Amino acid sequence: MIIKELRGKNINFEIIVIDDNSTDNTSFVYKQLQQIFKEEKLLLIERKGKYGIGSAYMDALKIVSGDFIVILDADLSHHPKYIYDFIKRQKETNCDIVIGTRYNKKGGVSGWGFKRILISNVANFLAQFLLFVQLTDLTGSFRLYKTKVFKEVIQQVDGKGYLFQMEIIVRAFKLGKKIEEVGYVFTERLFGKSKLSANEIYKYLVGLLKLFWAY
């Protein structure tokens, strides 16, 4: 779908991959792609440790050049075919952020067990209920931002990991940023394991309470 719609159009883009010392040869494969395509279009940030998603975003912001940022997981849990829908919604509404949601009529989850689905739903419900944010998916990471808005909001975010995704949207919502949602189907990765742990859940709950008292 996205290839059909964009065929023949001059689209300016860059792809930034942040590799936190992964053991799956991500950097090696990406460097091979850089030799095939233009290296200035395929940018790579290699980091020597596991520094977390928040700092990854901050490092990417140092080199990003576009007016819009699309963030997605590189394991195909977030299928790139939905990027067209994000761009279309942004153009239609001139919103600041487009959230990919798993929890509206067009969204869904494939490959999760009951426990993971329960955790995700409870995490979203608590954030919606306590913080009065009327969005259906606060914990996902498949999103489109206006670059200037992302840079503004991220400066106020303290949380890391699972909490980070929720906090940045809550902060943006409370700042009055216009946020739209696009449904998509999340597909569990075929290889590797989720980084969600009991410690991450604890940090999320603590961070949620801090935001509750702040607002």
Protein backbone atom coordinates (compact mmCIF):
# COMPACT_ATOMS: atom_id res chain seq x y z
CA MET A 1 0.00 0.00 0.00
CA ILE A 2 2.66 2.52 0.97
CA ILE A 3 4.78 1.68 -2.07
CA LYS A 4 1.78 2.13 -4.38
CA GLU A 5 0.83 5.50 -2.87
CA LEU A 6 4.38 6.90 -2.84
CA ARG A 7 5.51 5.57 -6.22
CA GLY A 8 6.80 8.36 -8.46
CA LYS A 9 6.92 10.91 -5.65
CA ASN A 10 10.08 12.60 -4.42
CA ILE A 11 10.13 11.77 -0.71
CA ASN A 12 12.90 13.17 1.47
CA PHE A 13 13.72 10.83 4.33
CA GLU A 14 16.45 9.43 6.54
CA ILE A 15 16.52 6.26 8.62
CA ILE A 16 18.33 6.34 11.96
CA VAL A 17 19.11 3.07 13.74
CA ILE A 18 20.31 3.12 17.33
CA ASP A 19 22.10 -0.08 18.28
CA ASP A 20 22.73 -0.62 21.99
CA ASN A 21 25.50 -3.21 21.65
CA SER A 22 23.04 -5.85 20.40
CA THR A 23 24.21 -9.42 19.82
CA ASP A 24 22.14 -10.03 16.67
CA ASN A 25 24.55 -8.34 14.21
CA THR A 26 22.22 -5.36 13.71
CA SER A 27 25.09 -2.96 13.06
CA PHE A 28 26.85 -5.34 10.67
CA VAL A 29 23.76 -5.84 8.53
CA TYR A 30 22.94 -2.13 8.53
CA LYS A 31 26.45 -1.23 7.40
CA GLN A 32 25.99 -3.57 4.44
CA LEU A 33 22.79 -1.71 3.55
CA GLN A 34 24.69 1.58 3.79
CA GLN A 35 27.00 0.32 1.04
CA ILE A 36 24.03 -0.48 -1.20
CA PHE A 37 22.00 2.67 -0.56
CA LYS A 38 23.13 6.22 0.15
CA GLU A 39 24.87 6.33 3.52
CA GLU A 40 23.51 9.82 4.24
CA LYS A 41 20.02 8.29 4.13
CA LEU A 42 20.88 5.38 6.44
CA LEU A 43 22.38 6.73 9.65
CA LEU A 44 23.72 4.51 12.43
CA ILE A 45 24.41 5.25 16.07
CA GLU A 46 26.37 2.49 17.82
CA ARG A 47 26.46 2.56 21.61
CA LYS A 48 28.60 0.36 23.82
CA GLY A 49 26.01 -0.36 26.50
CA LYS A 50 22.29 -0.76 27.19
CA TYR A 51 21.39 2.87 27.86
CA GLY A 52 17.64 2.71 27.33
CA ILE A 53 15.08 4.09 24.93
CA GLY A 54 14.96 7.63 26.33
CA SER A 55 18.67 8.27 25.80
CA ALA A 56 18.42 6.59 22.38
CA TYR A 57 15.83 9.17 21.37
CA MET A 58 18.01 11.99 22.69
CA ASP A 59 21.01 10.77 20.70
CA ALA A 60 18.92 10.46 17.54
CA LEU A 61 17.62 14.01 17.99
CA LYS A 62 21.20 15.27 17.78
CA ILE A 63 21.45 14.21 14.13
CA VAL A 64 17.85 14.19 12.87
CA SER A 65 17.25 16.73 10.09
CA GLY A 66 13.58 16.33 9.12
CA ASP A 67 10.50 18.23 10.26
CA PHE A 68 8.80 14.97 11.29
CA ILE A 69 9.97 11.87 13.14
CA VAL A 70 8.46 8.40 12.87
CA ILE A 71 9.51 6.06 15.68
CA LEU A 72 9.09 2.30 15.40
CA ASP A 73 10.70 -0.91 16.62
CA ALA A 74 13.11 -2.46 14.10
CA ASP A 75 11.96 -6.04 14.79
CA LEU A 76 8.84 -5.58 12.59
CA SER A 77 6.47 -5.59 15.55
CA HIS A 78 5.52 -2.24 14.02
CA HIS A 79 4.95 -2.88 10.33
CA PRO A 80 6.24 -0.03 8.12
CA LYS A 81 3.11 -0.27 5.93
CA TYR A 82 1.25 1.81 8.55
CA ILE A 83 3.59 4.78 8.14
CA TYR A 84 1.51 6.00 5.21
CA ASP A 85 -1.59 6.07 7.45
CA PHE A 86 0.32 8.12 10.04
CA ILE A 87 1.44 10.65 7.43
CA LYS A 88 -2.05 10.87 5.94
CA ARG A 89 -3.65 11.52 9.34
CA GLN A 90 -1.10 14.21 10.17
CA LYS A 91 -1.68 15.99 6.86
CA GLU A 92 -5.46 15.82 7.31
CA THR A 93 -5.45 17.25 10.82
CA ASN A 94 -2.13 19.14 11.11
CA CYS A 95 -1.72 17.48 14.50
CA ASP A 96 1.48 17.49 16.54
CA ILE A 97 1.59 13.75 17.23
CA VAL A 98 0.07 10.62 15.70
CA ILE A 99 -0.11 7.60 18.00
CA GLY A 100 -0.31 4.08 16.67
CA THR A 101 -2.94 2.35 18.79
CA ARG A 102 -3.52 -1.35 19.34
CA TYR A 103 -6.76 -0.70 21.17
CA ASN A 104 -9.26 0.92 18.82
CA LYS A 105 -11.52 -0.80 16.27
CA LYS A 106 -8.80 -1.02 13.64
CA GLY A 107 -6.03 -2.04 16.02
CA GLY A 108 -5.03 -5.36 17.53
CA VAL A 109 -2.31 -7.58 18.96
CA SER A 110 -0.94 -10.79 17.48
CA GLY A 111 1.28 -13.27 19.32
CA TRP A 112 0.81 -12.15 22.93
CA GLY A 113 -0.31 -14.42 25.73
CA PHE A 114 -3.07 -13.55 28.18
CA LYS A 115 -0.64 -12.24 30.84
CA ARG A 116 1.03 -9.74 28.50
CA ILE A 117 -2.30 -8.52 27.14
CA LEU A 118 -3.61 -8.08 30.69
CA ILE A 119 -0.55 -6.08 31.79
CA SER A 120 -0.77 -3.78 28.78
CA ASN A 121 -4.49 -3.16 29.19
CA VAL A 122 -4.19 -2.49 32.92
CA ALA A 123 -1.24 -0.14 32.37
CA ASN A 124 -3.24 1.86 29.83
CA PHE A 125 -6.41 1.90 31.94
CA LEU A 126 -4.57 3.19 35.03
CA ALA A 127 -2.93 6.00 33.05
CA GLN A 128 -6.22 6.99 31.40
CA PHE A 129 -8.16 6.88 34.67
CA LEU A 130 -5.64 8.63 36.94
CA LEU A 131 -4.37 11.24 34.49
CA PHE A 132 -7.59 11.98 32.56
CA VAL A 133 -5.98 11.39 29.18
CA GLN A 134 -8.54 10.28 26.61
CA LEU A 135 -6.27 8.25 24.36
CA THR A 136 -6.51 4.50 23.86
CA ASP A 137 -2.84 3.50 23.76
CA LEU A 138 -0.43 5.37 26.02
CA THR A 139 2.26 2.71 26.33
CA GLY A 140 2.99 1.88 22.69
CA SER A 141 6.01 3.30 20.86
CA PHE A 142 4.83 3.40 17.23
CA ARG A 143 4.39 7.14 16.71
CA LEU A 144 4.85 10.18 14.48
CA TYR A 145 5.96 13.50 15.98
CA LYS A 146 6.60 16.97 14.69
CA THR A 147 10.31 17.23 15.38
CA LYS A 148 10.05 20.56 17.19
CA VAL A 149 7.26 19.19 19.42
CA PHE A 150 9.22 16.05 20.25
CA LYS A 151 12.27 18.12 21.21
CA GLU A 152 10.14 20.35 23.43
CA VAL A 153 8.30 17.58 25.26
CA ILE A 154 11.18 15.16 25.76
CA GLN A 155 13.03 17.73 27.87
CA GLN A 156 10.34 17.31 30.56
CA VAL A 157 10.38 13.50 30.65
CA ASP A 158 12.08 11.78 33.61
CA GLY A 159 10.95 8.20 33.18
CA LYS A 160 12.81 5.41 31.44
CA GLY A 161 11.82 2.17 29.75
CA TYR A 162 8.12 1.23 29.78
CA LEU A 163 7.26 4.42 31.68
CA PHE A 164 8.92 6.66 29.11
CA GLN A 165 6.38 5.96 26.37
CA MET A 166 3.46 6.81 28.61
CA GLU A 167 5.03 9.89 30.17
CA ILE A 168 5.97 11.61 26.93
CA ILE A 169 2.40 11.38 25.64
CA VAL A 170 0.92 12.51 28.96
CA ARG A 171 3.29 15.49 29.05
CA ALA A 172 2.39 16.39 25.47
CA PHE A 173 -1.34 16.08 26.21
CA LYS A 174 -1.07 18.30 29.29
CA LEU A 175 0.86 20.88 27.24
CA GLY A 176 -2.09 21.07 24.87
CA LYS A 177 -0.48 19.34 21.92
CA LYS A 178 -2.88 18.00 19.32
CA ILE A 179 -2.74 14.20 19.26
CA GLU A 180 -4.44 11.82 16.82
CA GLU A 181 -4.61 8.02 16.76
CA VAL A 182 -4.27 5.46 13.97
CA GLY A 183 -5.09 1.80 14.54
CA TYR A 184 -2.48 -0.84 13.73
CA VAL A 185 -1.89 -4.52 14.47
CA PHE A 186 1.08 -5.16 16.74
CA THR A 187 2.87 -8.44 15.97
CA GLU A 188 5.09 -10.07 18.57
CA ARG A 189 8.68 -10.44 17.45
CA LEU A 190 9.71 -13.81 15.99
CA PHE A 191 13.14 -13.78 17.64
CA GLY A 192 14.40 -12.53 21.00
CA LYS A 193 12.51 -11.83 24.19
CA SER A 194 10.55 -8.90 25.53
CA LYS A 195 12.44 -6.57 27.88
CA LEU A 196 9.37 -6.13 30.11
CA SER A 197 10.19 -7.25 33.66
CA ALA A 198 8.73 -6.99 37.15
CA ASN A 199 11.14 -4.12 37.82
CA GLU A 200 9.85 -2.27 34.75
CA ILE A 201 6.27 -2.69 35.95
CA TYR A 202 7.21 -1.37 39.40
CA LYS A 203 8.93 1.68 37.87
CA TYR A 204 5.89 2.30 35.70
CA LEU A 205 3.53 2.32 38.70
CA VAL A 206 5.81 4.63 40.70
CA GLY A 207 6.15 6.98 37.75
CA LEU A 208 2.39 6.94 37.19
CA LEU A 209 1.77 8.02 40.78
CA LYS A 210 4.33 10.83 40.43
CA LEU A 211 2.51 12.12 37.36
CA PHE A 212 -0.81 11.82 39.19
CA TRP A 213 0.43 14.08 41.99
CA ALA A 214 2.05 16.46 39.49
CA TYR A 215 -1.19 16.99 37.60
